[in-house]
Amino acid sequence: MGDIIAASIARLSKVQIATFFSNNASVTRRRCDQEAERLVRMSVHPTSVQGGTSYTVVSDDETRVIQFRSDNSPLDMPILE
């Protein structure tokens, strides 16, 4: 059962990543990855779970997370508090 759930989450994440870049055509996944790698000074990869309105990557050592969001979908800071 766990393998089915993991596969479903992986498929959903791929769709969410494609949707994010389709809705934000002025930026590419490659450009986001390059910027994240510049910021964390190492390779990055997409997180296993993505949001519906963002693109999130984690550093290879899994100590830093970078999230890209569109202007019309700012991060809700009060929710994080």
C-alpha atoms as a PDB file:
ATOM      1  CA  MET A   1       0.000   0.000   0.000  1.00  0.00           C
ATOM      2  CA  GLY A   2       2.852   2.415   0.820  1.00  0.00           C
ATOM      3  CA  ASP A   3       4.321   1.987  -2.672  1.00  0.00           C
ATOM      4  CA  ILE A   4       0.986   2.933  -4.230  1.00  0.00           C
ATOM      5  CA  ILE A   5       0.738   6.069  -2.106  1.00  0.00           C
ATOM      6  CA  ALA A   6       4.347   7.066  -2.847  1.00  0.00           C
ATOM      7  CA  ALA A   7       3.776   6.565  -6.583  1.00  0.00           C
ATOM      8  CA  SER A   8       0.585   8.637  -6.437  1.00  0.00           C
ATOM      9  CA  ILE A   9       2.362  11.466  -4.602  1.00  0.00           C
ATOM     10  CA  ALA A  10       5.205  11.371  -7.148  1.00  0.00           C
ATOM     11  CA  ARG A  11       2.733  11.630 -10.038  1.00  0.00           C
ATOM     12  CA  LEU A  12       0.863  14.464  -8.332  1.00  0.00           C
ATOM     13  CA  SER A  13       4.123  16.358  -7.707  1.00  0.00           C
ATOM     14  CA  LYS A  14       5.087  16.053 -11.388  1.00  0.00           C
ATOM     15  CA  VAL A  15       1.708  17.470 -12.396  1.00  0.00           C
ATOM     16  CA  GLN A  16       1.990  20.305  -9.874  1.00  0.00           C
ATOM     17  CA  ILE A  17       5.492  21.211 -11.105  1.00  0.00           C
ATOM     18  CA  ALA A  18       4.314  21.214 -14.727  1.00  0.00           C
ATOM     19  CA  THR A  19       1.289  23.322 -13.789  1.00  0.00           C
ATOM     20  CA  PHE A  20       3.414  25.841 -11.873  1.00  0.00           C
ATOM     21  CA  PHE A  21       5.721  26.423 -14.847  1.00  0.00           C
ATOM     22  CA  SER A  22       2.822  26.449 -17.291  1.00  0.00           C
ATOM     23  CA  ASN A  23       1.139  29.178 -15.227  1.00  0.00           C
ATOM     24  CA  ASN A  24       4.421  31.090 -14.839  1.00  0.00           C
ATOM     25  CA  ALA A  25       5.798  30.923 -18.362  1.00  0.00           C
ATOM     26  CA  SER A  26       8.247  33.786 -17.774  1.00  0.00           C
ATOM     27  CA  VAL A  27      10.472  31.466 -15.703  1.00  0.00           C
ATOM     28  CA  THR A  28      11.796  27.984 -16.321  1.00  0.00           C
ATOM     29  CA  ARG A  29      12.468  25.085 -14.018  1.00  0.00           C
ATOM     30  CA  ARG A  30      16.102  25.136 -15.074  1.00  0.00           C
ATOM     31  CA  ARG A  31      16.423  28.821 -14.139  1.00  0.00           C
ATOM     32  CA  CYS A  32      14.827  28.199 -10.732  1.00  0.00           C
ATOM     33  CA  ASP A  33      17.129  25.238 -10.103  1.00  0.00           C
ATOM     34  CA  GLN A  34      20.168  27.309 -11.099  1.00  0.00           C
ATOM     35  CA  GLU A  35      19.163  30.164  -8.800  1.00  0.00           C
ATOM     36  CA  ALA A  36      18.550  27.786  -5.896  1.00  0.00           C
ATOM     37  CA  GLU A  37      21.932  26.124  -6.487  1.00  0.00           C
ATOM     38  CA  ARG A  38      23.574  29.554  -6.488  1.00  0.00           C
ATOM     39  CA  LEU A  39      21.898  30.422  -3.186  1.00  0.00           C
ATOM     40  CA  VAL A  40      22.712  27.181  -1.358  1.00  0.00           C
ATOM     41  CA  ARG A  41      26.031  26.553  -3.136  1.00  0.00           C
ATOM     42  CA  MET A  42      25.237  22.929  -3.961  1.00  0.00           C
ATOM     43  CA  SER A  43      22.922  20.851  -6.113  1.00  0.00           C
ATOM     44  CA  VAL A  44      19.203  20.830  -5.441  1.00  0.00           C
ATOM     45  CA  HIS A  45      16.290  18.586  -6.329  1.00  0.00           C
ATOM     46  CA  PRO A  46      12.514  18.977  -6.103  1.00  0.00           C
ATOM     47  CA  THR A  47      10.908  18.039  -2.816  1.00  0.00           C
ATOM     48  CA  SER A  48       8.814  14.888  -2.921  1.00  0.00           C
ATOM     49  CA  VAL A  49       5.682  16.891  -2.087  1.00  0.00           C
ATOM     50  CA  GLN A  50       4.940  20.063  -4.042  1.00  0.00           C
ATOM     51  CA  GLY A  51       2.368  22.770  -3.496  1.00  0.00           C
ATOM     52  CA  GLY A  52      -0.308  23.707  -5.954  1.00  0.00           C
ATOM     53  CA  THR A  53       1.026  27.249  -6.435  1.00  0.00           C
ATOM     54  CA  SER A  54       4.766  26.909  -5.868  1.00  0.00           C
ATOM     55  CA  TYR A  55       7.903  25.032  -6.870  1.00  0.00           C
ATOM     56  CA  THR A  56      10.002  23.776  -3.969  1.00  0.00           C
ATOM     57  CA  VAL A  57      13.515  22.346  -4.009  1.00  0.00           C
ATOM     58  CA  VAL A  58      15.804  21.062  -1.275  1.00  0.00           C
ATOM     59  CA  SER A  59      19.590  21.049  -1.161  1.00  0.00           C
ATOM     60  CA  ASP A  60      21.243  17.675  -1.661  1.00  0.00           C
ATOM     61  CA  ASP A  61      22.286  17.604   1.988  1.00  0.00           C
ATOM     62  CA  GLU A  62      18.642  18.364   2.857  1.00  0.00           C
ATOM     63  CA  THR A  63      19.517  21.319   5.113  1.00  0.00           C
ATOM     64  CA  ARG A  64      18.016  24.101   2.975  1.00  0.00           C
ATOM     65  CA  VAL A  65      14.693  24.523   1.225  1.00  0.00           C
ATOM     66  CA  ILE A  66      13.994  27.092  -1.485  1.00  0.00           C
ATOM     67  CA  GLN A  67      10.465  27.807  -2.630  1.00  0.00           C
ATOM     68  CA  PHE A  68       9.537  29.734  -5.753  1.00  0.00           C
ATOM     69  CA  ARG A  69       6.123  31.362  -5.830  1.00  0.00           C
ATOM     70  CA  SER A  70       4.290  33.545  -8.294  1.00  0.00           C
ATOM     71  CA  ASP A  71       3.557  37.183  -7.457  1.00  0.00           C
ATOM     72  CA  ASN A  72      -0.133  36.400  -7.077  1.00  0.00           C
ATOM     73  CA  SER A  73       0.515  33.619  -4.561  1.00  0.00           C
ATOM     74  CA  PRO A  74       2.630  35.049  -1.715  1.00  0.00           C
ATOM     75  CA  LEU A  75       3.553  32.901   1.252  1.00  0.00           C
ATOM     76  CA  ASP A  76       1.086  33.387   4.099  1.00  0.00           C
ATOM     77  CA  MET A  77       3.501  34.372   6.867  1.00  0.00           C
ATOM     78  CA  PRO A  78       0.897  34.490   9.695  1.00  0.00           C
ATOM     79  CA  ILE A  79       0.125  30.815   9.029  1.00  0.00           C
ATOM     80  CA  LEU A  80       3.795  29.963   9.603  1.00  0.00           C
ATOM     81  CA  GLU A  81       3.769  31.631  13.006  1.00  0.00           C
END
